[in-house]
Amino acid sequence: MYGEPAERDRSSLFWALRGVRGIASPPALILTTAFVGFAALCRDAGLTWVEASFMTATVWALPAKIVLVGAITAGASLPATALAVGLSSLRMMPMVVALMPVIKGPKTRTGTLLFLSHFVAITGWIFAMERIETVPRDKRTIFFGAFAVTLTTINTVLVALVFNLMGQLPALATGALAFLTPVYFLTSLFGTAREASGRIALFTGMAALPPAHWFIPGFELLVAGIAGGTVAYLAGRIIEGRRLA
């Protein structure tokens, strides 16, 4: 434990390197693999490698980027796209609220926490919450920041490289790589969902998308999300009620 003298006396560099080493953890490796598919998805959508890399660095959550690329491909209006991307990222707010007090040290500045909050997504949150208790309080921002910044940088560079190499791959291989992104998205959300409503929402949202696109094109992502989420919430309440009965 970090309360032992040997752990308390470790330098900031030691904890930074330990955070960097976290990019070899299973969640980080899975995410990196998914970004290979994201590069293929961006190329197929007609984006440039600069745009794809910029999105990777600035819109860190992968589902939000998928929503953005999908909206661009569908020709959705800018307000609808901005609202859909913003709503898809609202799920990060509880993660930020839960994580920031945990990694905050005695002398941590508010600006540092605001900067680190940009990197809070499913992968970073799971990695931090599983390991942060073993890190001294005053070294936690360094530990998490080293992991998060390194992971983001690697994936940004990876997207640029894969995007430019994609044209040399067979069409079947490109399609398979692009398929990694939705697979990662679905499996990660399904695996991290703690309530039945969260799992049901994945299927109700997908089921609501075709009719939403038919009746309200341009706002289908927003409508499908609200409709599917509402149905999933009600179904989850019914299931939980029967379990407690």
C-alpha atoms as a PDB file:
ATOM      1  CA  MET A   1       0.000   0.000   0.000  1.00  0.00           C
ATOM      2  CA  TYR A   2       1.028   3.599  -0.554  1.00  0.00           C
ATOM      3  CA  GLY A   3       1.014   4.242   3.195  1.00  0.00           C
ATOM      4  CA  GLU A   4       4.257   2.323   3.599  1.00  0.00           C
ATOM      5  CA  PRO A   5       7.422   4.494   3.711  1.00  0.00           C
ATOM      6  CA  ALA A   6       8.894   2.825   0.610  1.00  0.00           C
ATOM      7  CA  GLU A   7       5.851   3.926  -1.417  1.00  0.00           C
ATOM      8  CA  ARG A   8       5.445   7.369   0.138  1.00  0.00           C
ATOM      9  CA  ASP A   9       9.027   8.308  -0.718  1.00  0.00           C
ATOM     10  CA  ARG A  10       8.767   7.423  -4.407  1.00  0.00           C
ATOM     11  CA  SER A  11       9.504  10.381  -6.696  1.00  0.00           C
ATOM     12  CA  SER A  12       7.064  12.051  -9.041  1.00  0.00           C
ATOM     13  CA  LEU A  13       8.995  10.594 -11.966  1.00  0.00           C
ATOM     14  CA  PHE A  14       8.433   7.092 -10.622  1.00  0.00           C
ATOM     15  CA  TRP A  15       4.662   7.564 -10.489  1.00  0.00           C
ATOM     16  CA  ALA A  16       4.612   9.280 -13.880  1.00  0.00           C
ATOM     17  CA  LEU A  17       6.405   6.304 -15.430  1.00  0.00           C
ATOM     18  CA  ARG A  18       4.034   3.933 -13.700  1.00  0.00           C
ATOM     19  CA  GLY A  19       1.155   5.857 -15.226  1.00  0.00           C
ATOM     20  CA  VAL A  20       2.750   5.668 -18.671  1.00  0.00           C
ATOM     21  CA  ARG A  21       3.181   1.932 -18.190  1.00  0.00           C
ATOM     22  CA  GLY A  22      -0.589   1.713 -17.889  1.00  0.00           C
ATOM     23  CA  ILE A  23      -0.959   2.034 -21.659  1.00  0.00           C
ATOM     24  CA  ALA A  24      -0.089  -1.674 -21.771  1.00  0.00           C
ATOM     25  CA  SER A  25      -3.167  -2.522 -19.669  1.00  0.00           C
ATOM     26  CA  PRO A  26      -6.037  -4.424 -21.345  1.00  0.00           C
ATOM     27  CA  PRO A  27      -8.479  -1.451 -21.399  1.00  0.00           C
ATOM     28  CA  ALA A  28      -5.894   0.811 -23.048  1.00  0.00           C
ATOM     29  CA  LEU A  29      -4.901  -1.831 -25.604  1.00  0.00           C
ATOM     30  CA  ILE A  30      -8.527  -2.476 -26.521  1.00  0.00           C
ATOM     31  CA  LEU A  31      -9.120   1.243 -26.959  1.00  0.00           C
ATOM     32  CA  THR A  32      -6.016   1.598 -29.142  1.00  0.00           C
ATOM     33  CA  THR A  33      -7.252  -1.245 -31.340  1.00  0.00           C
ATOM     34  CA  ALA A  34     -10.609   0.481 -31.642  1.00  0.00           C
ATOM     35  CA  PHE A  35      -8.896   3.669 -32.839  1.00  0.00           C
ATOM     36  CA  VAL A  36      -7.503   1.704 -35.757  1.00  0.00           C
ATOM     37  CA  GLY A  37     -11.101   1.116 -36.733  1.00  0.00           C
ATOM     38  CA  PHE A  38     -11.908   4.778 -36.113  1.00  0.00           C
ATOM     39  CA  ALA A  39      -9.231   5.797 -38.616  1.00  0.00           C
ATOM     40  CA  ALA A  40     -10.853   3.518 -41.186  1.00  0.00           C
ATOM     41  CA  LEU A  41     -14.254   4.968 -40.364  1.00  0.00           C
ATOM     42  CA  CYS A  42     -13.016   8.538 -40.886  1.00  0.00           C
ATOM     43  CA  ARG A  43     -11.387   7.652 -44.182  1.00  0.00           C
ATOM     44  CA  ASP A  44     -14.562   5.989 -45.390  1.00  0.00           C
ATOM     45  CA  ALA A  45     -16.562   9.068 -44.343  1.00  0.00           C
ATOM     46  CA  GLY A  46     -14.414  11.313 -46.544  1.00  0.00           C
ATOM     47  CA  LEU A  47     -12.523  13.127 -43.795  1.00  0.00           C
ATOM     48  CA  THR A  48      -8.831  14.009 -44.045  1.00  0.00           C
ATOM     49  CA  TRP A  49      -6.179  12.522 -41.794  1.00  0.00           C
ATOM     50  CA  VAL A  50      -5.667  15.941 -40.206  1.00  0.00           C
ATOM     51  CA  GLU A  51      -9.358  16.162 -39.297  1.00  0.00           C
ATOM     52  CA  ALA A  52      -9.371  12.609 -37.948  1.00  0.00           C
ATOM     53  CA  SER A  53      -6.273  13.250 -35.819  1.00  0.00           C
ATOM     54  CA  PHE A  54      -7.638  16.565 -34.569  1.00  0.00           C
ATOM     55  CA  MET A  55     -10.852  14.875 -33.512  1.00  0.00           C
ATOM     56  CA  THR A  56      -8.878  12.202 -31.666  1.00  0.00           C
ATOM     57  CA  ALA A  57      -6.951  14.777 -29.665  1.00  0.00           C
ATOM     58  CA  THR A  58      -9.769  17.208 -28.905  1.00  0.00           C
ATOM     59  CA  VAL A  59     -12.903  15.034 -28.710  1.00  0.00           C
ATOM     60  CA  TRP A  60     -11.406  12.295 -26.614  1.00  0.00           C
ATOM     61  CA  ALA A  61     -14.421  10.063 -25.931  1.00  0.00           C
ATOM     62  CA  LEU A  62     -14.692   7.579 -28.792  1.00  0.00           C
ATOM     63  CA  PRO A  63     -18.529   7.382 -28.822  1.00  0.00           C
ATOM     64  CA  ALA A  64     -18.730  11.168 -29.186  1.00  0.00           C
ATOM     65  CA  LYS A  65     -16.420  10.993 -32.199  1.00  0.00           C
ATOM     66  CA  ILE A  66     -18.518   8.238 -33.720  1.00  0.00           C
ATOM     67  CA  VAL A  67     -21.628  10.389 -33.293  1.00  0.00           C
ATOM     68  CA  LEU A  68     -19.816  13.317 -34.902  1.00  0.00           C
ATOM     69  CA  VAL A  69     -18.600  11.291 -37.893  1.00  0.00           C
ATOM     70  CA  GLY A  70     -22.043   9.757 -38.316  1.00  0.00           C
ATOM     71  CA  ALA A  71     -23.662  13.183 -38.278  1.00  0.00           C
ATOM     72  CA  ILE A  72     -21.172  14.481 -40.851  1.00  0.00           C
ATOM     73  CA  THR A  73     -21.828  11.485 -43.096  1.00  0.00           C
ATOM     74  CA  ALA A  74     -25.594  11.876 -42.759  1.00  0.00           C
ATOM     75  CA  GLY A  75     -25.403  15.588 -43.524  1.00  0.00           C
ATOM     76  CA  ALA A  76     -27.054  16.551 -40.231  1.00  0.00           C
ATOM     77  CA  SER A  77     -27.384  20.215 -39.364  1.00  0.00           C
ATOM     78  CA  LEU A  78     -24.749  21.848 -37.159  1.00  0.00           C
ATOM     79  CA  PRO A  79     -27.104  22.514 -34.196  1.00  0.00           C
ATOM     80  CA  ALA A  80     -28.372  18.923 -34.261  1.00  0.00           C
ATOM     81  CA  THR A  81     -24.822  17.590 -34.496  1.00  0.00           C
ATOM     82  CA  ALA A  82     -23.566  19.762 -31.636  1.00  0.00           C
ATOM     83  CA  LEU A  83     -26.502  18.780 -29.453  1.00  0.00           C
ATOM     84  CA  ALA A  84     -26.098  15.059 -30.193  1.00  0.00           C
ATOM     85  CA  VAL A  85     -22.359  15.127 -29.466  1.00  0.00           C
ATOM     86  CA  GLY A  86     -22.933  17.127 -26.300  1.00  0.00           C
ATOM     87  CA  LEU A  87     -25.618  14.759 -25.053  1.00  0.00           C
ATOM     88  CA  SER A  88     -23.436  11.735 -25.800  1.00  0.00           C
ATOM     89  CA  SER A  89     -20.754  13.230 -23.559  1.00  0.00           C
ATOM     90  CA  LEU A  90     -23.066  14.002 -20.641  1.00  0.00           C
ATOM     91  CA  ARG A  91     -22.451  10.477 -19.358  1.00  0.00           C
ATOM     92  CA  MET A  92     -18.879  11.594 -18.630  1.00  0.00           C
ATOM     93  CA  MET A  93     -20.045  14.149 -16.066  1.00  0.00           C
ATOM     94  CA  PRO A  94     -20.653  11.614 -13.262  1.00  0.00           C
ATOM     95  CA  MET A  95     -17.261  10.064 -14.032  1.00  0.00           C
ATOM     96  CA  VAL A  96     -15.551  13.449 -13.727  1.00  0.00           C
ATOM     97  CA  VAL A  97     -17.426  14.260 -10.523  1.00  0.00           C
ATOM     98  CA  ALA A  98     -16.427  10.901  -9.024  1.00  0.00           C
ATOM     99  CA  LEU A  99     -12.793  10.920 -10.161  1.00  0.00           C
ATOM    100  CA  MET A 100     -11.584  14.480  -9.639  1.00  0.00           C
ATOM    101  CA  PRO A 101     -11.923  14.496  -5.817  1.00  0.00           C
ATOM    102  CA  VAL A 102     -10.114  11.152  -5.705  1.00  0.00           C
ATOM    103  CA  ILE A 103      -7.070  12.299  -7.658  1.00  0.00           C
ATOM    104  CA  LYS A 104      -6.947  15.794  -6.156  1.00  0.00           C
ATOM    105  CA  GLY A 105      -3.890  16.314  -3.978  1.00  0.00           C
ATOM    106  CA  PRO A 106      -3.278  18.814  -1.165  1.00  0.00           C
ATOM    107  CA  LYS A 107      -1.758  21.350  -3.565  1.00  0.00           C
ATOM    108  CA  THR A 108      -3.544  20.478  -6.795  1.00  0.00           C
ATOM    109  CA  ARG A 109      -4.726  23.542  -8.702  1.00  0.00           C
ATOM    110  CA  THR A 110      -8.183  23.868 -10.171  1.00  0.00           C
ATOM    111  CA  GLY A 111      -6.686  24.429 -13.626  1.00  0.00           C
ATOM    112  CA  THR A 112      -4.905  21.088 -13.416  1.00  0.00           C
ATOM    113  CA  LEU A 113      -8.145  19.289 -12.621  1.00  0.00           C
ATOM    114  CA  LEU A 114      -9.942  21.054 -15.461  1.00  0.00           C
ATOM    115  CA  PHE A 115      -7.196  19.996 -17.853  1.00  0.00           C
ATOM    116  CA  LEU A 116      -7.283  16.379 -16.686  1.00  0.00           C
ATOM    117  CA  SER A 117     -11.071  16.252 -16.901  1.00  0.00           C
ATOM    118  CA  HIS A 118     -10.717  16.386 -20.690  1.00  0.00           C
ATOM    119  CA  PHE A 119      -9.194  12.898 -20.630  1.00  0.00           C
ATOM    120  CA  VAL A 120     -11.899  11.283 -18.506  1.00  0.00           C
ATOM    121  CA  ALA A 121     -13.654   8.590 -20.515  1.00  0.00           C
ATOM    122  CA  ILE A 122     -14.529   4.963 -19.876  1.00  0.00           C
ATOM    123  CA  THR A 123     -10.979   3.672 -20.341  1.00  0.00           C
ATOM    124  CA  GLY A 124      -9.249   6.303 -18.229  1.00  0.00           C
ATOM    125  CA  TRP A 125     -11.915   6.179 -15.536  1.00  0.00           C
ATOM    126  CA  ILE A 126     -11.719   2.393 -15.183  1.00  0.00           C
ATOM    127  CA  PHE A 127      -7.918   2.461 -15.145  1.00  0.00           C
ATOM    128  CA  ALA A 128      -7.771   5.180 -12.506  1.00  0.00           C
ATOM    129  CA  MET A 129     -10.463   3.862 -10.195  1.00  0.00           C
ATOM    130  CA  GLU A 130      -8.886   0.399 -10.163  1.00  0.00           C
ATOM    131  CA  ARG A 131      -5.396   1.629  -9.291  1.00  0.00           C
ATOM    132  CA  ILE A 132      -5.585   5.070  -7.718  1.00  0.00           C
ATOM    133  CA  GLU A 133      -5.811   3.789  -4.125  1.00  0.00           C
ATOM    134  CA  THR A 134      -2.277   2.423  -4.421  1.00  0.00           C
ATOM    135  CA  VAL A 135      -0.909   5.880  -5.332  1.00  0.00           C
ATOM    136  CA  PRO A 136       0.010   8.510  -2.693  1.00  0.00           C
ATOM    137  CA  ARG A 137      -2.472  11.370  -2.599  1.00  0.00           C
ATOM    138  CA  ASP A 138       0.057  14.004  -3.727  1.00  0.00           C
ATOM    139  CA  LYS A 139       1.135  11.903  -6.737  1.00  0.00           C
ATOM    140  CA  ARG A 140      -2.263  10.960  -8.114  1.00  0.00           C
ATOM    141  CA  THR A 141      -2.625  13.796 -10.624  1.00  0.00           C
ATOM    142  CA  ILE A 142       0.819  12.972 -12.002  1.00  0.00           C
ATOM    143  CA  PHE A 143      -0.044   9.279 -12.221  1.00  0.00           C
ATOM    144  CA  PHE A 144      -3.357   9.816 -14.008  1.00  0.00           C
ATOM    145  CA  GLY A 145      -2.083  12.656 -16.183  1.00  0.00           C
ATOM    146  CA  ALA A 146       0.881  10.637 -17.432  1.00  0.00           C
ATOM    147  CA  PHE A 147      -1.395   7.756 -18.380  1.00  0.00           C
ATOM    148  CA  ALA A 148      -4.093   9.895 -19.986  1.00  0.00           C
ATOM    149  CA  VAL A 149      -1.839  12.224 -21.988  1.00  0.00           C
ATOM    150  CA  THR A 150       0.311   9.340 -23.225  1.00  0.00           C
ATOM    151  CA  LEU A 151      -2.711   7.314 -24.297  1.00  0.00           C
ATOM    152  CA  THR A 152      -4.240  10.274 -26.126  1.00  0.00           C
ATOM    153  CA  THR A 153      -0.976  11.137 -27.864  1.00  0.00           C
ATOM    154  CA  ILE A 154      -0.354   7.575 -28.997  1.00  0.00           C
ATOM    155  CA  ASN A 155      -3.858   7.216 -30.402  1.00  0.00           C
ATOM    156  CA  THR A 156      -3.659  10.574 -32.166  1.00  0.00           C
ATOM    157  CA  VAL A 157      -0.447   9.543 -33.910  1.00  0.00           C
ATOM    158  CA  LEU A 158      -1.862   6.071 -34.581  1.00  0.00           C
ATOM    159  CA  VAL A 159      -4.942   7.472 -36.293  1.00  0.00           C
ATOM    160  CA  ALA A 160      -2.756   9.621 -38.573  1.00  0.00           C
ATOM    161  CA  LEU A 161      -0.512   6.677 -39.519  1.00  0.00           C
ATOM    162  CA  VAL A 162      -3.303   4.154 -40.047  1.00  0.00           C
ATOM    163  CA  PHE A 163      -5.365   6.660 -42.026  1.00  0.00           C
ATOM    164  CA  ASN A 164      -2.539   7.162 -44.516  1.00  0.00           C
ATOM    165  CA  LEU A 165      -1.716   3.451 -44.727  1.00  0.00           C
ATOM    166  CA  MET A 166      -5.328   2.415 -45.147  1.00  0.00           C
ATOM    167  CA  GLY A 167      -5.302   2.950 -48.898  1.00  0.00           C
ATOM    168  CA  GLN A 168      -2.746   0.158 -49.258  1.00  0.00           C
ATOM    169  CA  LEU A 169      -4.966  -2.409 -47.521  1.00  0.00           C
ATOM    170  CA  PRO A 170      -7.573  -4.610 -49.223  1.00  0.00           C
ATOM    171  CA  ALA A 171     -11.161  -3.405 -48.995  1.00  0.00           C
ATOM    172  CA  LEU A 172     -12.099  -6.378 -46.802  1.00  0.00           C
ATOM    173  CA  ALA A 173      -9.360  -5.547 -44.287  1.00  0.00           C
ATOM    174  CA  THR A 174     -10.433  -1.893 -44.223  1.00  0.00           C
ATOM    175  CA  GLY A 175     -14.018  -2.892 -43.545  1.00  0.00           C
ATOM    176  CA  ALA A 176     -12.955  -5.252 -40.769  1.00  0.00           C
ATOM    177  CA  LEU A 177     -10.913  -2.523 -39.089  1.00  0.00           C
ATOM    178  CA  ALA A 178     -13.788  -0.078 -39.319  1.00  0.00           C
ATOM    179  CA  PHE A 179     -16.024  -2.687 -37.692  1.00  0.00           C
ATOM    180  CA  LEU A 180     -13.778  -2.690 -34.609  1.00  0.00           C
ATOM    181  CA  THR A 181     -15.105   0.704 -33.552  1.00  0.00           C
ATOM    182  CA  PRO A 182     -18.801  -0.181 -33.102  1.00  0.00           C
ATOM    183  CA  VAL A 183     -17.811  -3.530 -31.578  1.00  0.00           C
ATOM    184  CA  TYR A 184     -15.662  -1.761 -28.971  1.00  0.00           C
ATOM    185  CA  PHE A 185     -18.374   0.803 -28.365  1.00  0.00           C
ATOM    186  CA  LEU A 186     -21.084  -1.779 -27.752  1.00  0.00           C
ATOM    187  CA  THR A 187     -19.017  -4.219 -25.700  1.00  0.00           C
ATOM    188  CA  SER A 188     -17.458  -1.541 -23.480  1.00  0.00           C
ATOM    189  CA  LEU A 189     -20.776   0.109 -22.686  1.00  0.00           C
ATOM    190  CA  PHE A 190     -22.505  -3.226 -22.160  1.00  0.00           C
ATOM    191  CA  GLY A 191     -19.707  -4.456 -19.920  1.00  0.00           C
ATOM    192  CA  THR A 192     -19.547  -1.327 -17.767  1.00  0.00           C
ATOM    193  CA  ALA A 193     -23.328  -0.921 -17.394  1.00  0.00           C
ATOM    194  CA  ARG A 194     -24.293  -1.683 -13.807  1.00  0.00           C
ATOM    195  CA  GLU A 195     -28.056  -1.561 -14.260  1.00  0.00           C
ATOM    196  CA  ALA A 196     -30.396  -3.424 -16.578  1.00  0.00           C
ATOM    197  CA  SER A 197     -31.618  -0.167 -18.112  1.00  0.00           C
ATOM    198  CA  GLY A 198     -28.086   0.625 -19.342  1.00  0.00           C
ATOM    199  CA  ARG A 199     -27.846  -2.658 -21.230  1.00  0.00           C
ATOM    200  CA  ILE A 200     -31.372  -2.432 -22.587  1.00  0.00           C
ATOM    201  CA  ALA A 201     -30.705   1.116 -23.842  1.00  0.00           C
ATOM    202  CA  LEU A 202     -28.089  -0.171 -26.294  1.00  0.00           C
ATOM    203  CA  PHE A 203     -30.669  -2.301 -28.074  1.00  0.00           C
ATOM    204  CA  THR A 204     -33.640   0.077 -27.837  1.00  0.00           C
ATOM    205  CA  GLY A 205     -31.507   2.921 -29.166  1.00  0.00           C
ATOM    206  CA  MET A 206     -30.400   0.884 -32.179  1.00  0.00           C
ATOM    207  CA  ALA A 207     -33.972  -0.278 -32.794  1.00  0.00           C
ATOM    208  CA  ALA A 208     -35.269   3.296 -32.651  1.00  0.00           C
ATOM    209  CA  LEU A 209     -32.695   4.669 -35.107  1.00  0.00           C
ATOM    210  CA  PRO A 210     -34.246   3.431 -38.431  1.00  0.00           C
ATOM    211  CA  PRO A 211     -37.758   4.781 -37.737  1.00  0.00           C
ATOM    212  CA  ALA A 212     -36.291   8.011 -36.350  1.00  0.00           C
ATOM    213  CA  HIS A 213     -34.273   8.470 -39.551  1.00  0.00           C
ATOM    214  CA  TRP A 214     -37.391   7.800 -41.605  1.00  0.00           C
ATOM    215  CA  PHE A 215     -39.638  10.276 -39.807  1.00  0.00           C
ATOM    216  CA  ILE A 216     -37.158  12.943 -38.621  1.00  0.00           C
ATOM    217  CA  PRO A 217     -34.040  12.902 -40.815  1.00  0.00           C
ATOM    218  CA  GLY A 218     -31.247  15.067 -39.481  1.00  0.00           C
ATOM    219  CA  PHE A 219     -32.331  14.595 -35.864  1.00  0.00           C
ATOM    220  CA  GLU A 220     -32.454  10.808 -35.847  1.00  0.00           C
ATOM    221  CA  LEU A 221     -29.549  10.383 -33.416  1.00  0.00           C
ATOM    222  CA  LEU A 222     -31.105  12.705 -30.867  1.00  0.00           C
ATOM    223  CA  VAL A 223     -34.598  11.277 -31.212  1.00  0.00           C
ATOM    224  CA  ALA A 224     -33.416   7.653 -31.148  1.00  0.00           C
ATOM    225  CA  GLY A 225     -31.315   8.342 -28.066  1.00  0.00           C
ATOM    226  CA  ILE A 226     -34.168   9.977 -26.158  1.00  0.00           C
ATOM    227  CA  ALA A 227     -36.791   7.445 -27.234  1.00  0.00           C
ATOM    228  CA  GLY A 228     -34.567   4.412 -26.732  1.00  0.00           C
ATOM    229  CA  GLY A 229     -33.284   5.705 -23.404  1.00  0.00           C
ATOM    230  CA  THR A 230     -36.803   6.391 -22.125  1.00  0.00           C
ATOM    231  CA  VAL A 231     -37.999   2.911 -23.042  1.00  0.00           C
ATOM    232  CA  ALA A 232     -34.889   1.371 -21.488  1.00  0.00           C
ATOM    233  CA  TYR A 233     -35.336   3.355 -18.280  1.00  0.00           C
ATOM    234  CA  LEU A 234     -38.950   2.256 -17.896  1.00  0.00           C
ATOM    235  CA  ALA A 235     -38.085  -1.357 -18.708  1.00  0.00           C
ATOM    236  CA  GLY A 236     -35.222  -1.266 -16.210  1.00  0.00           C
ATOM    237  CA  ARG A 237     -37.505   0.048 -13.480  1.00  0.00           C
ATOM    238  CA  ILE A 238     -39.992  -2.755 -14.150  1.00  0.00           C
ATOM    239  CA  ILE A 239     -37.261  -5.415 -14.056  1.00  0.00           C
ATOM    240  CA  GLU A 240     -35.749  -4.045 -10.843  1.00  0.00           C
ATOM    241  CA  GLY A 241     -39.215  -3.824  -9.293  1.00  0.00           C
ATOM    242  CA  ARG A 242     -39.913  -7.473  -9.996  1.00  0.00           C
ATOM    243  CA  ARG A 243     -36.568  -8.502  -8.537  1.00  0.00           C
ATOM    244  CA  LEU A 244     -37.318  -6.684  -5.297  1.00  0.00           C
ATOM    245  CA  ALA A 245     -40.868  -8.027  -5.118  1.00  0.00           C
END
